[in-house]
Amino acid sequence: MDQINHTGLISGMNEIAQLEASVKAAQKMVGAATMQMDPEAIKNAENAINDAKALMSLTSDTGFDQDFLTKQQQLIDQCQHQLSEAKH
């Protein structure tokens, strides 16, 4: 997929789809990392959470449906909590 230069988006996916895909990826990576407890998997899950947070911060002021954004933020928070609990 080619990046659209003026928006930074990957063609074929709008910002909503990118955010939703990023959150789902973080959820899957956190789930796998907490089952494996492999340091590399945990680091990758942390990176996925940070990527989802970065996308969330980019979309928070763009007029998206607030319920959608709230739900995505809750899912990110759950991922962060699950990973944090597993590490301790």
PDB file of N, CA and C in Angstrom:
ATOM      1  N   MET A   1       0.841  -1.185   0.000  1.00  0.00           N
ATOM      2  CA  MET A   1       0.000   0.000   0.000  1.00  0.00           C
ATOM      3  C   MET A   1       0.883   1.244   0.000  1.00  0.00           C
ATOM      4  N   ASP A   2       0.459   2.213  -0.703  1.00  0.00           N
ATOM      5  CA  ASP A   2       1.228   3.444  -0.812  1.00  0.00           C
ATOM      6  C   ASP A   2       0.739   4.472   0.193  1.00  0.00           C
ATOM      7  N   GLN A   3       1.683   5.214   0.719  1.00  0.00           N
ATOM      8  CA  GLN A   3       1.314   6.283   1.640  1.00  0.00           C
ATOM      9  C   GLN A   3       0.839   7.497   0.852  1.00  0.00           C
ATOM     10  N   ILE A   4      -0.238   8.093   1.325  1.00  0.00           N
ATOM     11  CA  ILE A   4      -0.750   9.300   0.703  1.00  0.00           C
ATOM     12  C   ILE A   4       0.003  10.470   1.321  1.00  0.00           C
ATOM     13  N   ASN A   5       0.773  11.179   0.511  1.00  0.00           N
ATOM     14  CA  ASN A   5       1.712  12.177   1.025  1.00  0.00           C
ATOM     15  C   ASN A   5       1.065  13.306   1.801  1.00  0.00           C
ATOM     16  N   HIS A   6      -0.064  13.809   1.378  1.00  0.00           N
ATOM     17  CA  HIS A   6      -0.629  14.977   2.035  1.00  0.00           C
ATOM     18  C   HIS A   6      -1.351  14.656   3.342  1.00  0.00           C
ATOM     19  N   THR A   7      -1.683  13.393   3.581  1.00  0.00           N
ATOM     20  CA  THR A   7      -2.404  13.060   4.814  1.00  0.00           C
ATOM     21  C   THR A   7      -1.619  12.157   5.747  1.00  0.00           C
ATOM     22  N   GLY A   8      -0.618  11.472   5.228  1.00  0.00           N
ATOM     23  CA  GLY A   8       0.118  10.524   6.058  1.00  0.00           C
ATOM     24  C   GLY A   8      -0.610   9.198   6.212  1.00  0.00           C
ATOM     25  N   LEU A   9      -1.785   9.066   5.598  1.00  0.00           N
ATOM     26  CA  LEU A   9      -2.550   7.831   5.693  1.00  0.00           C
ATOM     27  C   LEU A   9      -2.034   6.800   4.711  1.00  0.00           C
ATOM     28  N   ILE A  10      -2.240   5.549   5.038  1.00  0.00           N
ATOM     29  CA  ILE A  10      -1.944   4.478   4.114  1.00  0.00           C
ATOM     30  C   ILE A  10      -3.176   4.309   3.230  1.00  0.00           C
ATOM     31  N   SER A  11      -2.980   4.291   1.923  1.00  0.00           N
ATOM     32  CA  SER A  11      -4.123   4.210   1.023  1.00  0.00           C
ATOM     33  C   SER A  11      -4.920   2.947   1.306  1.00  0.00           C
ATOM     34  N   GLY A  12      -6.223   3.067   1.167  1.00  0.00           N
ATOM     35  CA  GLY A  12      -7.103   1.938   1.421  1.00  0.00           C
ATOM     36  C   GLY A  12      -7.650   1.926   2.832  1.00  0.00           C
ATOM     37  N   MET A  13      -7.097   2.712   3.713  1.00  0.00           N
ATOM     38  CA  MET A  13      -7.578   2.756   5.098  1.00  0.00           C
ATOM     39  C   MET A  13      -7.716   4.211   5.527  1.00  0.00           C
ATOM     40  N   ASN A  14      -8.868   4.541   6.082  1.00  0.00           N
ATOM     41  CA  ASN A  14      -9.016   5.879   6.627  1.00  0.00           C
ATOM     42  C   ASN A  14      -8.550   5.889   8.081  1.00  0.00           C
ATOM     43  N   GLU A  15      -8.606   7.027   8.720  1.00  0.00           N
ATOM     44  CA  GLU A  15      -8.099   7.150  10.095  1.00  0.00           C
ATOM     45  C   GLU A  15      -8.846   6.247  11.071  1.00  0.00           C
ATOM     46  N   ILE A  16     -10.149   6.102  10.890  1.00  0.00           N
ATOM     47  CA  ILE A  16     -10.937   5.240  11.780  1.00  0.00           C
ATOM     48  C   ILE A  16     -10.457   3.801  11.652  1.00  0.00           C
ATOM     49  N   ALA A  17     -10.297   3.338  10.435  1.00  0.00           N
ATOM     50  CA  ALA A  17      -9.843   1.963  10.206  1.00  0.00           C
ATOM     51  C   ALA A  17      -8.433   1.754  10.734  1.00  0.00           C
ATOM     52  N   GLN A  18      -7.563   2.753  10.558  1.00  0.00           N
ATOM     53  CA  GLN A  18      -6.197   2.638  11.072  1.00  0.00           C
ATOM     54  C   GLN A  18      -6.195   2.532  12.591  1.00  0.00           C
ATOM     55  N   LEU A  19      -6.989   3.371  13.242  1.00  0.00           N
ATOM     56  CA  LEU A  19      -7.040   3.341  14.704  1.00  0.00           C
ATOM     57  C   LEU A  19      -7.594   2.014  15.191  1.00  0.00           C
ATOM     58  N   GLU A  20      -8.683   1.576  14.586  1.00  0.00           N
ATOM     59  CA  GLU A  20      -9.298   0.318  14.998  1.00  0.00           C
ATOM     60  C   GLU A  20      -8.343  -0.857  14.785  1.00  0.00           C
ATOM     61  N   ALA A  21      -7.640  -0.883  13.661  1.00  0.00           N
ATOM     62  CA  ALA A  21      -6.681  -1.949  13.390  1.00  0.00           C
ATOM     63  C   ALA A  21      -5.515  -1.907  14.373  1.00  0.00           C
ATOM     64  N   SER A  22      -5.075  -0.717  14.717  1.00  0.00           N
ATOM     65  CA  SER A  22      -3.969  -0.566  15.655  1.00  0.00           C
ATOM     66  C   SER A  22      -4.354  -1.064  17.052  1.00  0.00           C
ATOM     67  N   VAL A  23      -5.560  -0.743  17.477  1.00  0.00           N
ATOM     68  CA  VAL A  23      -6.028  -1.198  18.791  1.00  0.00           C
ATOM     69  C   VAL A  23      -6.187  -2.718  18.802  1.00  0.00           C
ATOM     70  N   LYS A  24      -6.743  -3.274  17.733  1.00  0.00           N
ATOM     71  CA  LYS A  24      -6.896  -4.731  17.658  1.00  0.00           C
ATOM     72  C   LYS A  24      -5.533  -5.426  17.665  1.00  0.00           C
ATOM     73  N   ALA A  25      -4.569  -4.850  16.969  1.00  0.00           N
ATOM     74  CA  ALA A  25      -3.217  -5.426  16.963  1.00  0.00           C
ATOM     75  C   ALA A  25      -2.619  -5.395  18.365  1.00  0.00           C
ATOM     76  N   ALA A  26      -2.818  -4.291  19.066  1.00  0.00           N
ATOM     77  CA  ALA A  26      -2.307  -4.180  20.432  1.00  0.00           C
ATOM     78  C   ALA A  26      -2.962  -5.232  21.330  1.00  0.00           C
ATOM     79  N   GLN A  27      -4.263  -5.412  21.179  1.00  0.00           N
ATOM     80  CA  GLN A  27      -4.965  -6.414  21.987  1.00  0.00           C
ATOM     81  C   GLN A  27      -4.380  -7.810  21.753  1.00  0.00           C
ATOM     82  N   LYS A  28      -4.175  -8.167  20.502  1.00  0.00           N
ATOM     83  CA  LYS A  28      -3.650  -9.495  20.181  1.00  0.00           C
ATOM     84  C   LYS A  28      -2.226  -9.658  20.690  1.00  0.00           C
ATOM     85  N   MET A  29      -1.420  -8.623  20.535  1.00  0.00           N
ATOM     86  CA  MET A  29      -0.025  -8.710  20.976  1.00  0.00           C
ATOM     87  C   MET A  29       0.076  -8.782  22.494  1.00  0.00           C
ATOM     88  N   VAL A  30      -0.775  -8.042  23.185  1.00  0.00           N
ATOM     89  CA  VAL A  30      -0.780  -8.102  24.650  1.00  0.00           C
ATOM     90  C   VAL A  30      -1.230  -9.479  25.105  1.00  0.00           C
ATOM     91  N   GLY A  31      -2.261 -10.012  24.477  1.00  0.00           N
ATOM     92  CA  GLY A  31      -2.729 -11.358  24.831  1.00  0.00           C
ATOM     93  C   GLY A  31      -1.640 -12.401  24.666  1.00  0.00           C
ATOM     94  N   ALA A  32      -0.951 -12.348  23.554  1.00  0.00           N
ATOM     95  CA  ALA A  32       0.125 -13.305  23.301  1.00  0.00           C
ATOM     96  C   ALA A  32       1.283 -13.094  24.270  1.00  0.00           C
ATOM     97  N   ALA A  33       1.631 -11.848  24.521  1.00  0.00           N
ATOM     98  CA  ALA A  33       2.763 -11.549  25.404  1.00  0.00           C
ATOM     99  C   ALA A  33       2.494 -11.995  26.833  1.00  0.00           C
ATOM    100  N   THR A  34       1.260 -11.813  27.291  1.00  0.00           N
ATOM    101  CA  THR A  34       0.953 -12.187  28.679  1.00  0.00           C
ATOM    102  C   THR A  34       0.872 -13.701  28.836  1.00  0.00           C
ATOM    103  N   MET A  35       0.599 -14.403  27.762  1.00  0.00           N
ATOM    104  CA  MET A  35       0.599 -15.867  27.845  1.00  0.00           C
ATOM    105  C   MET A  35       2.025 -16.409  27.779  1.00  0.00           C
ATOM    106  N   GLN A  36       2.854 -15.805  26.935  1.00  0.00           N
ATOM    107  CA  GLN A  36       4.219 -16.295  26.745  1.00  0.00           C
ATOM    108  C   GLN A  36       5.180 -15.793  27.814  1.00  0.00           C
ATOM    109  N   MET A  37       4.949 -14.578  28.264  1.00  0.00           N
ATOM    110  CA  MET A  37       5.845 -13.898  29.208  1.00  0.00           C
ATOM    111  C   MET A  37       7.274 -13.834  28.679  1.00  0.00           C
ATOM    112  N   ASP A  38       7.383 -13.737  27.372  1.00  0.00           N
ATOM    113  CA  ASP A  38       8.664 -13.584  26.702  1.00  0.00           C
ATOM    114  C   ASP A  38       9.018 -12.098  26.683  1.00  0.00           C
ATOM    115  N   PRO A  39      10.214 -11.722  27.120  1.00  0.00           N
ATOM    116  CA  PRO A  39      10.580 -10.294  27.168  1.00  0.00           C
ATOM    117  C   PRO A  39      10.432  -9.577  25.827  1.00  0.00           C
ATOM    118  N   GLU A  40      10.773 -10.255  24.743  1.00  0.00           N
ATOM    119  CA  GLU A  40      10.640  -9.625  23.422  1.00  0.00           C
ATOM    120  C   GLU A  40       9.167  -9.412  23.059  1.00  0.00           C
ATOM    121  N   ALA A  41       8.325 -10.395  23.365  1.00  0.00           N
ATOM    122  CA  ALA A  41       6.893 -10.264  23.092  1.00  0.00           C
ATOM    123  C   ALA A  41       6.284  -9.144  23.931  1.00  0.00           C
ATOM    124  N   ILE A  42       6.745  -9.012  25.167  1.00  0.00           N
ATOM    125  CA  ILE A  42       6.258  -7.934  26.033  1.00  0.00           C
ATOM    126  C   ILE A  42       6.668  -6.576  25.465  1.00  0.00           C
ATOM    127  N   LYS A  43       7.907  -6.477  25.003  1.00  0.00           N
ATOM    128  CA  LYS A  43       8.382  -5.221  24.413  1.00  0.00           C
ATOM    129  C   LYS A  43       7.582  -4.879  23.156  1.00  0.00           C
ATOM    130  N   ASN A  44       7.313  -5.886  22.322  1.00  0.00           N
ATOM    131  CA  ASN A  44       6.517  -5.656  21.117  1.00  0.00           C
ATOM    132  C   ASN A  44       5.093  -5.232  21.461  1.00  0.00           C
ATOM    133  N   ALA A  45       4.531  -5.805  22.509  1.00  0.00           N
ATOM    134  CA  ALA A  45       3.190  -5.419  22.947  1.00  0.00           C
ATOM    135  C   ALA A  45       3.192  -3.974  23.450  1.00  0.00           C
ATOM    136  N   GLU A  46       4.226  -3.596  24.190  1.00  0.00           N
ATOM    137  CA  GLU A  46       4.339  -2.206  24.645  1.00  0.00           C
ATOM    138  C   GLU A  46       4.412  -1.254  23.455  1.00  0.00           C
ATOM    139  N   ASN A  47       5.180  -1.641  22.430  1.00  0.00           N
ATOM    140  CA  ASN A  47       5.282  -0.821  21.218  1.00  0.00           C
ATOM    141  C   ASN A  47       3.934  -0.705  20.514  1.00  0.00           C
ATOM    142  N   ALA A  48       3.191  -1.797  20.463  1.00  0.00           N
ATOM    143  CA  ALA A  48       1.871  -1.772  19.825  1.00  0.00           C
ATOM    144  C   ALA A  48       0.915  -0.849  20.581  1.00  0.00           C
ATOM    145  N   ILE A  49       0.980  -0.884  21.910  1.00  0.00           N
ATOM    146  CA  ILE A  49       0.151   0.013  22.720  1.00  0.00           C
ATOM    147  C   ILE A  49       0.537   1.458  22.451  1.00  0.00           C
ATOM    148  N   ASN A  50       1.834   1.723  22.417  1.00  0.00           N
ATOM    149  CA  ASN A  50       2.297   3.093  22.156  1.00  0.00           C
ATOM    150  C   ASN A  50       1.891   3.575  20.771  1.00  0.00           C
ATOM    151  N   ASP A  51       1.932   2.673  19.788  1.00  0.00           N
ATOM    152  CA  ASP A  51       1.489   3.035  18.443  1.00  0.00           C
ATOM    153  C   ASP A  51       0.005   3.385  18.436  1.00  0.00           C
ATOM    154  N   ALA A  52      -0.793   2.588  19.139  1.00  0.00           N
ATOM    155  CA  ALA A  52      -2.236   2.858  19.210  1.00  0.00           C
ATOM    156  C   ALA A  52      -2.498   4.186  19.917  1.00  0.00           C
ATOM    157  N   LYS A  53      -1.740   4.448  20.979  1.00  0.00           N
ATOM    158  CA  LYS A  53      -1.885   5.732  21.682  1.00  0.00           C
ATOM    159  C   LYS A  53      -1.527   6.900  20.767  1.00  0.00           C
ATOM    160  N   ALA A  54      -0.480   6.738  19.975  1.00  0.00           N
ATOM    161  CA  ALA A  54      -0.060   7.805  19.066  1.00  0.00           C
ATOM    162  C   ALA A  54      -1.141   8.081  18.026  1.00  0.00           C
ATOM    163  N   LEU A  55      -1.728   7.023  17.469  1.00  0.00           N
ATOM    164  CA  LEU A  55      -2.815   7.222  16.517  1.00  0.00           C
ATOM    165  C   LEU A  55      -4.015   7.874  17.186  1.00  0.00           C
ATOM    166  N   MET A  56      -4.286   7.469  18.420  1.00  0.00           N
ATOM    167  CA  MET A  56      -5.412   8.057  19.159  1.00  0.00           C
ATOM    168  C   MET A  56      -5.187   9.550  19.345  1.00  0.00           C
ATOM    169  N   SER A  57      -3.986   9.940  19.672  1.00  0.00           N
ATOM    170  CA  SER A  57      -3.714  11.362  19.892  1.00  0.00           C
ATOM    171  C   SER A  57      -3.847  12.164  18.603  1.00  0.00           C
ATOM    172  N   LEU A  58      -3.559  11.536  17.476  1.00  0.00           N
ATOM    173  CA  LEU A  58      -3.695  12.220  16.192  1.00  0.00           C
ATOM    174  C   LEU A  58      -5.149  12.385  15.775  1.00  0.00           C
ATOM    175  N   THR A  59      -5.999  11.478  16.217  1.00  0.00           N
ATOM    176  CA  THR A  59      -7.392  11.503  15.774  1.00  0.00           C
ATOM    177  C   THR A  59      -8.333  12.165  16.769  1.00  0.00           C
ATOM    178  N   SER A  60      -7.865  12.478  17.950  1.00  0.00           N
ATOM    179  CA  SER A  60      -8.770  12.977  18.990  1.00  0.00           C
ATOM    180  C   SER A  60      -9.384  14.330  18.668  1.00  0.00           C
ATOM    181  N   ASP A  61      -8.771  15.103  17.806  1.00  0.00           N
ATOM    182  CA  ASP A  61      -9.297  16.432  17.482  1.00  0.00           C
ATOM    183  C   ASP A  61      -9.872  16.518  16.071  1.00  0.00           C
ATOM    184  N   THR A  62     -10.197  15.391  15.471  1.00  0.00           N
ATOM    185  CA  THR A  62     -10.618  15.423  14.076  1.00  0.00           C
ATOM    186  C   THR A  62     -12.116  15.272  13.876  1.00  0.00           C
ATOM    187  N   GLY A  63     -12.895  15.309  14.941  1.00  0.00           N
ATOM    188  CA  GLY A  63     -14.337  15.237  14.795  1.00  0.00           C
ATOM    189  C   GLY A  63     -14.885  13.829  14.695  1.00  0.00           C
ATOM    190  N   PHE A  64     -14.127  12.831  15.116  1.00  0.00           N
ATOM    191  CA  PHE A  64     -14.642  11.466  15.130  1.00  0.00           C
ATOM    192  C   PHE A  64     -15.766  11.342  16.136  1.00  0.00           C
ATOM    193  N   ASP A  65     -16.547  10.303  15.958  1.00  0.00           N
ATOM    194  CA  ASP A  65     -17.604   9.961  16.898  1.00  0.00           C
ATOM    195  C   ASP A  65     -16.983   9.752  18.283  1.00  0.00           C
ATOM    196  N   GLN A  66     -17.422  10.515  19.243  1.00  0.00           N
ATOM    197  CA  GLN A  66     -16.825  10.472  20.580  1.00  0.00           C
ATOM    198  C   GLN A  66     -17.007   9.109  21.250  1.00  0.00           C
ATOM    199  N   ASP A  67     -18.126   8.443  20.996  1.00  0.00           N
ATOM    200  CA  ASP A  67     -18.330   7.112  21.571  1.00  0.00           C
ATOM    201  C   ASP A  67     -17.288   6.126  21.042  1.00  0.00           C
ATOM    202  N   PHE A  68     -16.995   6.220  19.751  1.00  0.00           N
ATOM    203  CA  PHE A  68     -15.972   5.359  19.146  1.00  0.00           C
ATOM    204  C   PHE A  68     -14.615   5.615  19.791  1.00  0.00           C
ATOM    205  N   LEU A  69     -14.255   6.888  19.910  1.00  0.00           N
ATOM    206  CA  LEU A  69     -12.957   7.233  20.500  1.00  0.00           C
ATOM    207  C   LEU A  69     -12.870   6.785  21.954  1.00  0.00           C
ATOM    208  N   THR A  70     -13.960   6.950  22.697  1.00  0.00           N
ATOM    209  CA  THR A  70     -13.984   6.530  24.096  1.00  0.00           C
ATOM    210  C   THR A  70     -13.774   5.029  24.201  1.00  0.00           C
ATOM    211  N   LYS A  71     -14.444   4.270  23.345  1.00  0.00           N
ATOM    212  CA  LYS A  71     -14.308   2.810  23.350  1.00  0.00           C
ATOM    213  C   LYS A  71     -12.877   2.394  23.010  1.00  0.00           C
ATOM    214  N   GLN A  72     -12.290   3.034  22.011  1.00  0.00           N
ATOM    215  CA  GLN A  72     -10.916   2.698  21.633  1.00  0.00           C
ATOM    216  C   GLN A  72      -9.946   3.031  22.764  1.00  0.00           C
ATOM    217  N   GLN A  73     -10.172   4.157  23.432  1.00  0.00           N
ATOM    218  CA  GLN A  73      -9.313   4.532  24.559  1.00  0.00           C
ATOM    219  C   GLN A  73      -9.454   3.523  25.696  1.00  0.00           C
ATOM    220  N   GLN A  74     -10.678   3.058  25.949  1.00  0.00           N
ATOM    221  CA  GLN A  74     -10.883   2.049  26.986  1.00  0.00           C
ATOM    222  C   GLN A  74     -10.142   0.760  26.649  1.00  0.00           C
ATOM    223  N   LEU A  75     -10.183   0.363  25.391  1.00  0.00           N
ATOM    224  CA  LEU A  75      -9.477  -0.849  24.977  1.00  0.00           C
ATOM    225  C   LEU A  75      -7.966  -0.693  25.128  1.00  0.00           C
ATOM    226  N   ILE A  76      -7.451   0.477  24.781  1.00  0.00           N
ATOM    227  CA  ILE A  76      -6.018   0.747  24.960  1.00  0.00           C
ATOM    228  C   ILE A  76      -5.665   0.692  26.446  1.00  0.00           C
ATOM    229  N   ASP A  77      -6.498   1.310  27.271  1.00  0.00           N
ATOM    230  CA  ASP A  77      -6.262   1.295  28.721  1.00  0.00           C
ATOM    231  C   ASP A  77      -6.282  -0.130  29.275  1.00  0.00           C
ATOM    232  N   GLN A  78      -7.207  -0.957  28.774  1.00  0.00           N
ATOM    233  CA  GLN A  78      -7.271  -2.349  29.218  1.00  0.00           C
ATOM    234  C   GLN A  78      -5.999  -3.104  28.836  1.00  0.00           C
ATOM    235  N   CYS A  79      -5.524  -2.855  27.635  1.00  0.00           N
ATOM    236  CA  CYS A  79      -4.273  -3.485  27.199  1.00  0.00           C
ATOM    237  C   CYS A  79      -3.120  -3.081  28.111  1.00  0.00           C
ATOM    238  N   GLN A  80      -3.042  -1.791  28.383  1.00  0.00           N
ATOM    239  CA  GLN A  80      -1.970  -1.274  29.247  1.00  0.00           C
ATOM    240  C   GLN A  80      -2.040  -1.917  30.631  1.00  0.00           C
ATOM    241  N   HIS A  81      -3.237  -2.013  31.173  1.00  0.00           N
ATOM    242  CA  HIS A  81      -3.425  -2.597  32.509  1.00  0.00           C
ATOM    243  C   HIS A  81      -3.062  -4.084  32.506  1.00  0.00           C
ATOM    244  N   GLN A  82      -3.534  -4.803  31.496  1.00  0.00           N
ATOM    245  CA  GLN A  82      -3.258  -6.238  31.417  1.00  0.00           C
ATOM    246  C   GLN A  82      -1.755  -6.493  31.330  1.00  0.00           C
ATOM    247  N   LEU A  83      -1.076  -5.729  30.517  1.00  0.00           N
ATOM    248  CA  LEU A  83       0.367  -5.909  30.368  1.00  0.00           C
ATOM    249  C   LEU A  83       1.102  -5.529  31.654  1.00  0.00           C
ATOM    250  N   SER A  84       0.655  -4.457  32.286  1.00  0.00           N
ATOM    251  CA  SER A  84       1.265  -4.018  33.530  1.00  0.00           C
ATOM    252  C   SER A  84       1.101  -5.085  34.624  1.00  0.00           C
ATOM    253  N   GLU A  85      -0.084  -5.644  34.727  1.00  0.00           N
ATOM    254  CA  GLU A  85      -0.342  -6.702  35.725  1.00  0.00           C
ATOM    255  C   GLU A  85       0.519  -7.936  35.464  1.00  0.00           C
ATOM    256  N   ALA A  86       0.679  -8.283  34.213  1.00  0.00           N
ATOM    257  CA  ALA A  86       1.467  -9.460  33.867  1.00  0.00           C
ATOM    258  C   ALA A  86       2.937  -9.276  34.197  1.00  0.00           C
ATOM    259  N   LYS A  87       3.424  -8.062  34.080  1.00  0.00           N
ATOM    260  CA  LYS A  87       4.841  -7.788  34.345  1.00  0.00           C
ATOM    261  C   LYS A  87       5.160  -7.776  35.839  1.00  0.00           C
ATOM    262  N   HIS A  88       4.171  -7.635  36.682  1.00  0.00           N
ATOM    263  CA  HIS A  88       4.430  -7.572  38.125  1.00  0.00           C
ATOM    264  C   HIS A  88       4.114  -8.831  38.827  1.00  0.00           C
TER     265      HIS A  88
END
